[in-house]
């Protein structure tokens, strides 16, 4: 089972329940095939089958891009005139990077394309797969005015071809970065965490409360064992004390310090810009296994009301319910105020639980919110309705949506079937999130 395969690579956050798992490995190390999906040979045949429906061929193109499969240059470029959507073009450029040297000149043209995602794919492909790639990556990183996705692509590619060089770039530039670029820099350090990274991570905490500083604090905890949160002064004092006594920065075996964080149903919240994506299907009205007096829906509402009062005033949030239809509380992230918290409590309590399970639609709606940094998704069943219901289709699309954005996705499996549980686990593992299984 996928869960058992990955648990050895994950570590439990000590301040959360024992069945909550935190992903501390970078995305590249997470298996892409944790569920049944078409074979590469079948996808390649479908891609070149001119008798097949074009939407089927484009789906094959997206899957091949996700799997990072090498595609014949002539077969791929024959499809170019049929790419009438931005999403298809993004997958095309991603596959083009895996072609032969013939693709080098076409790839360079996409460096100036109007779409940031296309430019990012061009940067990544040229940096990773072609001669002179290190120079391309370093050049992009030295231009702070370029779109953040291009810089994310550059450091990710450099890390995959020369991790040492990438970590040098990260150590040089970390304190001048923010947002998705800073989060990608942290992913690069996470590939080979060491005591050398402690001063840089502590300096990051000067920025104040943000998802970047929360992630940095979690990494510091992982290295040192100290559970101080994201308080810069406390970390700095602890670092100076160990430096003065020339001892490794490690917490005492018995420590009264405890990392405290806002959490929903045991899943910690790292960001001030968060959306709760909650299953609203009819199966949520079933009673819980251990608490027979409560349905799953009642438990969701109860835990939401417990969490609302401790949301920080600096945060923005939203709630999305998904079943056969998608319903959101607001059209955008809204500030945490007494009024918005009161309305959220009523919105969640008055929800009707009915219909099927449109898991992808709920997550995709959250991704449409401007400024979104973190998503917590809760579901109790297999995806059954919507544009994508097969696990591999959902993973392919989420990979496309979040390839350069570094949005954190945590998930809660609420007595879900094994296949759905595995899907939610891999979604969290692949997107730097936490996973919790509730029976």
Protein backbone atom coordinates (compact mmCIF):
# COMPACT_ATOMS: atom_id res chain seq x y z
CA UNK A 1 0.00 0.00 0.00
CA UNK A 2 1.22 3.51 -0.83
CA UNK A 3 0.94 4.69 2.76
CA UNK A 4 3.24 1.98 4.07
CA UNK A 5 5.74 2.64 1.28
CA UNK A 6 6.08 6.30 2.16
CA UNK A 7 5.85 6.33 5.95
CA UNK A 8 9.57 5.62 6.27
CA UNK A 9 10.26 8.90 4.45
CA UNK A 10 7.90 10.97 6.56
CA UNK A 11 8.13 12.06 10.17
CA UNK A 12 5.34 12.72 12.63
CA UNK A 13 5.06 16.25 13.97
CA UNK A 14 5.34 15.77 17.71
CA UNK A 15 2.65 18.27 18.66
CA UNK A 16 -0.02 16.63 16.45
CA UNK A 17 -1.89 13.31 16.78
CA UNK A 18 0.02 10.11 16.10
CA UNK A 19 -1.96 9.45 12.94
CA UNK A 20 -0.99 12.81 11.45
CA UNK A 21 2.05 12.70 9.17
CA UNK A 22 4.19 15.62 8.05
CA UNK A 23 5.96 15.53 4.72
CA UNK A 24 9.59 16.60 5.17
CA UNK A 25 10.86 15.28 1.84
CA UNK A 26 10.94 17.28 -1.39
CA UNK A 27 8.41 16.70 -4.12
CA UNK A 28 10.90 15.01 -6.47
CA UNK A 29 11.27 12.08 -4.04
CA UNK A 30 7.55 11.23 -3.95
CA UNK A 31 6.55 8.36 -6.30
CA UNK A 32 4.35 9.49 -9.18
CA UNK A 33 2.66 6.11 -9.58
CA UNK A 34 0.88 5.46 -6.31
CA UNK A 35 -2.28 4.32 -8.06
CA UNK A 36 -3.33 2.52 -11.27
CA UNK A 37 -2.87 4.54 -14.44
CA UNK A 38 -2.32 3.80 -18.15
CA UNK A 39 1.04 2.38 -19.16
CA UNK A 40 3.55 4.69 -20.81
CA UNK A 41 3.44 2.60 -23.99
CA UNK A 42 -0.35 2.98 -24.16
CA UNK A 43 -0.12 6.74 -23.69
CA UNK A 44 2.53 7.08 -26.39
CA UNK A 45 0.40 5.09 -28.84
CA UNK A 46 -2.67 7.18 -28.06
CA UNK A 47 -0.70 10.41 -28.50
CA UNK A 48 0.15 9.49 -32.10
CA UNK A 49 -3.19 7.86 -33.00
CA UNK A 50 -4.82 10.27 -35.44
CA UNK A 51 -8.04 8.25 -35.36
CA UNK A 52 -8.46 8.87 -31.64
CA UNK A 53 -10.50 11.78 -30.30
CA UNK A 54 -8.36 14.88 -29.82
CA UNK A 55 -9.42 15.26 -26.18
CA UNK A 56 -8.12 11.71 -25.53
CA UNK A 57 -4.81 12.53 -27.20
CA UNK A 58 -4.48 15.71 -25.16
CA UNK A 59 -5.18 13.77 -21.97
CA UNK A 60 -2.39 11.39 -22.97
CA UNK A 61 -0.12 14.41 -23.50
CA UNK A 62 -0.86 15.71 -19.99
CA UNK A 63 -0.23 12.28 -18.47
CA UNK A 64 3.08 11.89 -20.31
CA UNK A 65 4.15 15.32 -19.10
CA UNK A 66 3.29 14.37 -15.52
CA UNK A 67 5.21 11.09 -15.79
CA UNK A 68 8.21 12.86 -17.35
CA UNK A 69 8.29 10.44 -20.29
CA UNK A 70 10.58 11.03 -23.26
CA UNK A 71 8.51 11.57 -26.41
CA UNK A 72 9.62 11.34 -30.03
CA UNK A 73 10.27 14.86 -31.35
CA UNK A 74 8.46 14.46 -34.68
CA UNK A 75 5.45 12.75 -33.09
CA UNK A 76 5.16 15.52 -30.54
CA UNK A 77 5.58 18.47 -32.89
CA UNK A 78 2.95 16.98 -35.22
CA UNK A 79 0.42 17.85 -32.52
CA UNK A 80 1.44 21.50 -32.21
CA UNK A 81 -1.28 22.85 -34.50
CA UNK A 82 -3.97 21.08 -32.44
CA UNK A 83 -3.08 22.82 -29.19
CA UNK A 84 -5.91 25.30 -28.75
CA UNK A 85 -5.76 25.75 -24.98
CA UNK A 86 -3.16 27.17 -22.64
CA UNK A 87 -3.16 23.99 -20.55
CA UNK A 88 -2.34 21.86 -23.59
CA UNK A 89 0.52 24.15 -24.59
CA UNK A 90 2.02 23.95 -21.10
CA UNK A 91 2.06 20.14 -21.28
CA UNK A 92 3.47 20.31 -24.80
CA UNK A 93 6.43 22.47 -23.76
CA UNK A 94 7.03 20.22 -20.77
CA UNK A 95 7.23 17.20 -23.08
CA UNK A 96 9.27 19.11 -25.66
CA UNK A 97 12.05 19.50 -23.10
CA UNK A 98 12.43 15.71 -23.00
CA UNK A 99 12.97 15.42 -26.76
CA UNK A 100 16.27 15.38 -28.61
CA UNK A 101 18.68 18.24 -29.26
CA UNK A 102 16.37 19.29 -32.10
CA UNK A 103 14.07 20.75 -29.46
CA UNK A 104 16.68 23.22 -28.18
CA UNK A 105 15.87 26.08 -30.56
CA UNK A 106 12.07 25.76 -30.19
CA UNK A 107 12.45 25.64 -26.41
CA UNK A 108 14.40 28.93 -26.36
CA UNK A 109 11.53 30.67 -28.15
CA UNK A 110 9.19 29.82 -25.29
CA UNK A 111 11.36 31.77 -22.82
CA UNK A 112 9.48 34.91 -23.87
CA UNK A 113 5.99 33.43 -24.19
CA UNK A 114 3.07 35.43 -22.73
CA UNK A 115 2.17 32.67 -20.25
CA UNK A 116 4.31 32.54 -17.08
CA UNK A 117 3.79 28.76 -16.82
CA UNK A 118 5.12 28.26 -20.36
CA UNK A 119 8.15 30.43 -19.63
CA UNK A 120 8.75 28.43 -16.45
CA UNK A 121 8.62 25.14 -18.37
CA UNK A 122 11.12 26.54 -20.87
CA UNK A 123 13.49 27.59 -18.08
CA UNK A 124 13.20 24.22 -16.37
CA UNK A 125 13.69 22.22 -19.56
CA UNK A 126 16.63 24.24 -20.85
CA UNK A 127 18.30 24.19 -17.42
CA UNK A 128 17.88 20.49 -16.77
CA UNK A 129 18.10 18.71 -20.11
CA UNK A 130 20.37 20.72 -22.40
CA UNK A 131 24.03 21.66 -22.49
CA UNK A 132 24.78 24.85 -20.59
CA UNK A 133 21.81 24.31 -18.29
CA UNK A 134 23.63 25.47 -15.16
CA UNK A 135 24.37 28.81 -16.80
CA UNK A 136 20.72 29.19 -17.82
CA UNK A 137 19.55 28.51 -14.26
CA UNK A 138 22.08 30.89 -12.69
CA UNK A 139 21.19 33.60 -15.19
CA UNK A 140 17.50 33.35 -14.33
CA UNK A 141 18.22 33.38 -10.59
CA UNK A 142 20.29 36.54 -10.98
CA UNK A 143 17.30 38.43 -12.45
CA UNK A 144 14.90 39.23 -9.58
CA UNK A 145 12.45 41.00 -11.91
CA UNK A 146 11.60 37.80 -13.77
CA UNK A 147 8.33 36.08 -12.91
CA UNK A 148 8.65 34.06 -9.67
CA UNK A 149 7.66 30.84 -11.47
CA UNK A 150 10.69 31.15 -13.75
CA UNK A 151 12.94 31.46 -10.70
CA UNK A 152 11.24 28.49 -9.03
CA UNK A 153 11.87 26.48 -12.20
CA UNK A 154 15.52 27.57 -12.31
CA UNK A 155 16.44 26.55 -8.76
CA UNK A 156 14.46 23.30 -9.00
CA UNK A 157 16.26 22.28 -12.19
CA UNK A 158 19.65 23.27 -10.77
CA UNK A 159 18.97 21.19 -7.65
CA UNK A 160 18.22 18.16 -9.79
CA UNK A 161 21.44 18.39 -11.81
CA UNK A 162 23.80 19.76 -9.12
CA UNK A 163 22.40 19.88 -5.59
CA UNK A 164 25.56 21.38 -4.10
CA UNK A 165 25.50 24.27 -6.58
CA UNK A 166 21.80 24.82 -5.92
CA UNK A 167 22.31 24.96 -2.16
CA UNK A 168 25.11 27.50 -2.62
CA UNK A 169 22.69 29.70 -4.62
CA UNK A 170 20.04 29.26 -1.93
CA UNK A 171 22.41 30.24 0.88
CA UNK A 172 23.44 33.35 -1.09
CA UNK A 173 19.96 34.52 -2.02
CA UNK A 174 17.56 33.18 0.63
CA UNK A 175 17.09 36.35 2.66
CA UNK A 176 16.16 38.40 -0.41
CA UNK A 177 13.40 36.01 -1.54
CA UNK A 178 9.77 35.55 -0.54
CA UNK A 179 6.64 33.67 -1.55
CA UNK A 180 6.88 30.65 -3.82
CA UNK A 181 10.57 31.27 -4.58
CA UNK A 182 11.53 31.21 -0.89
CA UNK A 183 9.42 28.08 -0.41
CA UNK A 184 11.25 26.39 -3.28
CA UNK A 185 14.58 27.41 -1.74
CA UNK A 186 13.50 25.66 1.46
CA UNK A 187 12.65 22.56 -0.58
CA UNK A 188 16.21 22.59 -1.93
CA UNK A 189 17.67 22.74 1.58
CA UNK A 190 15.28 19.98 2.67
CA UNK A 191 16.91 17.59 0.22
CA UNK A 192 20.01 17.48 2.41
CA UNK A 193 19.36 19.28 5.69
CA UNK A 194 22.42 19.97 7.83
CA UNK A 195 23.63 22.13 10.70
CA UNK A 196 25.16 24.49 8.12
CA UNK A 197 21.63 25.63 7.26
CA UNK A 198 20.68 26.61 10.81
CA UNK A 199 21.91 30.28 10.68
CA UNK A 200 20.15 30.93 7.36
CA UNK A 201 16.90 29.41 8.60
CA UNK A 202 17.05 31.43 11.81
CA UNK A 203 17.68 34.65 9.87
CA UNK A 204 14.53 33.92 7.84
CA UNK A 205 12.48 34.20 11.01
CA UNK A 206 13.24 37.94 11.09
CA UNK A 207 10.54 38.32 8.41
CA UNK A 208 7.79 37.79 10.98
CA UNK A 209 4.76 35.54 10.70
CA UNK A 210 4.35 33.89 7.28
CA UNK A 211 4.19 30.46 5.74
CA UNK A 212 7.90 30.74 4.86
CA UNK A 213 8.87 31.33 8.49
CA UNK A 214 6.55 28.55 9.68
CA UNK A 215 8.23 26.12 7.27
CA UNK A 216 11.68 27.34 8.36
CA UNK A 217 10.76 26.81 12.03
CA UNK A 218 9.57 23.27 11.28
CA UNK A 219 12.90 22.54 9.56
CA UNK A 220 14.84 23.96 12.50
CA UNK A 221 12.82 21.74 14.82
CA UNK A 222 13.62 18.73 12.63
CA UNK A 223 17.37 19.47 12.74
CA UNK A 224 17.73 20.48 16.38
CA UNK A 225 14.84 18.96 18.29
CA UNK A 226 13.94 22.36 19.75
CA UNK A 227 10.23 23.21 19.56
CA UNK A 228 10.30 26.99 19.77
CA UNK A 229 7.91 28.00 16.99
CA UNK A 230 8.87 30.84 14.67
CA UNK A 231 10.17 33.26 17.32
CA UNK A 232 13.41 34.68 15.94
CA UNK A 233 14.83 35.90 19.26
CA UNK A 234 14.42 32.55 21.03
CA UNK A 235 16.09 30.66 18.19
CA UNK A 236 18.89 33.22 17.95
CA UNK A 237 19.63 33.04 21.69
CA UNK A 238 19.65 29.23 21.61
CA UNK A 239 22.01 29.29 18.62
CA UNK A 240 24.43 31.71 20.30
CA UNK A 241 24.48 29.62 23.48
CA UNK A 242 25.46 26.48 21.61
CA UNK A 243 28.01 28.40 19.57
CA UNK A 244 29.59 29.84 22.73
CA UNK A 245 29.96 26.37 24.28
CA UNK A 246 30.97 24.85 20.91
CA UNK A 247 28.26 22.20 21.12
CA UNK A 248 25.93 20.96 18.37
CA UNK A 249 22.60 22.76 18.45
CA UNK A 250 20.43 20.00 19.89
CA UNK A 251 17.58 20.24 22.38
CA UNK A 252 17.89 18.50 25.75
CA UNK A 253 16.22 15.11 25.85
CA UNK A 254 13.64 16.50 28.24
CA UNK A 255 12.33 19.88 27.16
CA UNK A 256 9.37 21.90 28.39
CA UNK A 257 9.32 23.85 25.16
CA UNK A 258 6.47 22.91 22.87
CA UNK A 259 5.77 24.00 19.30
CA UNK A 260 2.29 25.50 19.25
CA UNK A 261 0.36 26.06 16.06
CA UNK A 262 -3.20 26.60 14.92
CA UNK A 263 -4.66 23.32 13.69
CA UNK A 264 -7.85 21.91 12.18
CA UNK A 265 -8.69 18.37 13.30
CA UNK A 266 -5.06 17.83 14.25
CA UNK A 267 -3.63 19.14 10.97
CA UNK A 268 -1.39 22.19 11.62
CA UNK A 269 -1.93 25.39 9.66
CA UNK A 270 1.25 27.05 8.40
CA UNK A 271 -0.14 29.97 6.40
CA UNK A 272 -2.21 33.09 6.95
CA UNK A 273 -3.96 32.60 3.58
CA UNK A 274 -5.89 29.36 3.81
CA UNK A 275 -8.95 27.66 2.36
CA UNK A 276 -10.82 24.78 3.98
CA UNK A 277 -12.14 22.40 1.30
CA UNK A 278 -14.76 20.18 2.92
CA UNK A 279 -16.64 17.14 1.61
CA UNK A 280 -20.38 17.83 1.49
CA UNK A 281 -21.50 14.53 -0.04
CA UNK A 282 -24.35 12.43 1.36
CA UNK A 283 -21.95 9.89 2.92
CA UNK A 284 -20.88 12.56 5.42
CA UNK A 285 -24.21 11.99 7.21
CA UNK A 286 -23.11 8.50 8.28
CA UNK A 287 -22.28 8.00 11.95
CA UNK A 288 -18.70 7.83 13.13
CA UNK A 289 -17.26 4.47 14.10
CA UNK A 290 -16.06 5.50 17.57
CA UNK A 291 -18.48 8.34 18.35
CA UNK A 292 -21.83 6.84 17.39
CA UNK A 293 -23.69 9.88 18.69
CA UNK A 294 -22.12 11.99 15.95
CA UNK A 295 -22.18 11.91 12.17
CA UNK A 296 -19.05 12.80 10.23
CA UNK A 297 -20.68 16.09 9.24
CA UNK A 298 -21.40 16.93 12.89
CA UNK A 299 -17.74 16.28 13.76
CA UNK A 300 -16.54 18.51 10.92
CA UNK A 301 -18.79 21.34 12.14
CA UNK A 302 -17.77 20.87 15.79
CA UNK A 303 -14.04 20.93 15.02
CA UNK A 304 -14.44 23.94 12.71
CA UNK A 305 -16.13 25.91 15.50
CA UNK A 306 -13.27 24.99 17.86
CA UNK A 307 -10.67 26.21 15.37
CA UNK A 308 -12.31 29.52 14.37
CA UNK A 309 -11.63 31.46 17.60
CA UNK A 310 -7.88 30.80 17.43
CA UNK A 311 -7.38 31.86 13.81
CA UNK A 312 -4.93 34.79 13.99
CA UNK A 313 -6.27 38.25 13.20
CA UNK A 314 -3.63 38.58 10.47
CA UNK A 315 -5.11 35.64 8.53
CA UNK A 316 -7.42 35.46 5.53
CA UNK A 317 -9.58 32.41 4.91
CA UNK A 318 -12.42 30.85 2.95
CA UNK A 319 -14.52 27.69 3.02
CA UNK A 320 -15.39 25.57 -0.02
CA UNK A 321 -17.91 22.71 0.14
CA UNK A 322 -17.83 20.10 -2.59
CA UNK A 323 -20.34 17.43 -3.60
CA UNK A 324 -21.90 17.22 -7.05
CA UNK A 325 -21.82 21.03 -6.93
CA UNK A 326 -19.17 23.41 -5.58
CA UNK A 327 -20.19 26.08 -3.05
CA UNK A 328 -17.91 28.64 -1.45
CA UNK A 329 -18.48 30.99 1.45
CA UNK A 330 -16.96 34.00 -0.32
CA UNK A 331 -15.64 34.62 -3.81
CA UNK A 332 -12.24 35.51 -2.36
CA UNK A 333 -10.17 35.11 0.77
CA UNK A 334 -11.63 37.23 3.56
CA UNK A 335 -9.98 38.78 6.60
CA UNK A 336 -10.46 37.15 9.99
CA UNK A 337 -12.84 39.39 11.93
CA UNK A 338 -15.56 38.72 14.49
CA UNK A 339 -18.16 39.13 11.73
CA UNK A 340 -16.45 36.81 9.23
CA UNK A 341 -15.92 34.14 11.89
CA UNK A 342 -19.56 34.33 12.94
CA UNK A 343 -20.70 34.07 9.33
CA UNK A 344 -18.35 31.13 8.69
CA UNK A 345 -19.79 29.27 11.67
CA UNK A 346 -23.33 29.73 10.35
CA UNK A 347 -22.29 28.87 6.77
CA UNK A 348 -20.73 25.57 7.83
CA UNK A 349 -23.50 24.66 10.30
CA UNK A 350 -26.28 25.29 7.75
CA UNK A 351 -24.68 23.31 4.94
CA UNK A 352 -26.69 20.48 3.37
CA UNK A 353 -24.76 17.24 2.94
CA UNK A 354 -25.94 15.56 -0.24
CA UNK A 355 -24.79 14.39 -3.68
CA UNK A 356 -21.54 12.87 -4.94
CA UNK A 357 -17.85 13.64 -4.36
CA UNK A 358 -16.21 16.18 -6.67
CA UNK A 359 -12.81 16.19 -4.96
CA UNK A 360 -10.88 17.81 -7.80
CA UNK A 361 -13.49 20.53 -8.29
CA UNK A 362 -13.25 21.56 -4.65
CA UNK A 363 -9.46 21.81 -4.65
CA UNK A 364 -9.40 23.58 -8.02
CA UNK A 365 -11.85 26.18 -6.69
CA UNK A 366 -9.51 26.89 -3.78
CA UNK A 367 -6.64 27.35 -6.23
CA UNK A 368 -8.64 30.07 -7.98
CA UNK A 369 -8.50 32.26 -4.88
CA UNK A 370 -6.01 35.10 -5.25
CA UNK A 371 -3.21 34.89 -2.70
CA UNK A 372 -3.99 31.34 -1.58
CA UNK A 373 -1.02 29.66 0.12
CA UNK A 374 -2.52 26.65 1.90
CA UNK A 375 -5.43 24.25 1.44
CA UNK A 376 -6.80 21.71 3.90
CA UNK A 377 -9.07 19.20 2.19
CA UNK A 378 -11.31 16.72 4.03
CA UNK A 379 -13.14 13.83 2.38
CA UNK A 380 -14.67 10.49 3.28
CA UNK A 381 -15.07 8.85 -0.11
CA UNK A 382 -13.82 8.05 -3.59
CA UNK A 383 -14.12 10.83 -6.19
CA UNK A 384 -17.34 10.09 -8.07
CA UNK A 385 -18.41 13.20 -10.01
CA UNK A 386 -16.80 16.15 -11.79
CA UNK A 387 -14.33 16.57 -14.63
CA UNK A 388 -11.82 14.13 -13.11
CA UNK A 389 -12.68 11.08 -11.00
CA UNK A 390 -9.75 8.71 -11.59
CA UNK A 391 -6.95 9.21 -9.04
CA UNK A 392 -4.29 9.49 -11.75
CA UNK A 393 -6.31 12.16 -13.58
CA UNK A 394 -6.66 14.18 -10.38
CA UNK A 395 -2.92 13.93 -9.66
CA UNK A 396 -2.03 14.96 -13.22
CA UNK A 397 -4.22 18.06 -12.97
CA UNK A 398 -3.11 19.03 -9.47
CA UNK A 399 0.51 18.66 -10.58
CA UNK A 400 -0.19 21.10 -13.40
CA UNK A 401 -1.99 23.57 -11.13
CA UNK A 402 0.66 23.54 -8.41
CA UNK A 403 3.85 22.87 -10.36
CA UNK A 404 5.37 26.30 -9.71
CA UNK A 405 3.04 27.81 -7.08
CA UNK A 406 4.14 25.76 -4.05
CA UNK A 407 0.70 25.86 -2.44
CA UNK A 408 0.61 23.57 0.57
CA UNK A 409 -2.14 20.90 0.44
CA UNK A 410 -2.92 18.93 3.59
CA UNK A 411 -5.64 16.31 3.69
CA UNK A 412 -7.86 14.52 6.18
CA UNK A 413 -9.20 11.09 5.29
CA UNK A 414 -12.45 10.60 7.21
CA UNK A 415 -13.06 6.82 7.19
CA UNK A 416 -12.39 6.89 3.45
CA UNK A 417 -11.97 3.69 1.40
CA UNK A 418 -8.40 2.53 0.94
CA UNK A 419 -8.04 3.88 -2.62
CA UNK A 420 -9.32 7.33 -1.61
CA UNK A 421 -7.10 7.33 1.48
CA UNK A 422 -4.05 6.54 -0.65
CA UNK A 423 -4.94 9.31 -3.10
CA UNK A 424 -5.28 11.89 -0.34
CA UNK A 425 -2.02 10.72 1.18
CA UNK A 426 -0.09 11.13 -2.06
CA UNK A 427 -1.72 14.54 -2.68
CA UNK A 428 -0.37 15.72 0.68
CA UNK A 429 3.03 14.10 0.24
CA UNK A 430 3.43 15.62 -3.23
CA UNK A 431 2.36 19.08 -2.09
CA UNK A 432 4.36 19.54 1.15
CA UNK A 433 1.33 18.95 3.36
CA UNK A 434 0.19 16.88 6.30
CA UNK A 435 -2.08 13.85 6.13
CA UNK A 436 -4.39 12.59 8.85
CA UNK A 437 -6.46 9.41 8.83
CA UNK A 438 -9.57 9.46 11.03
CA UNK A 439 -11.58 6.25 11.44
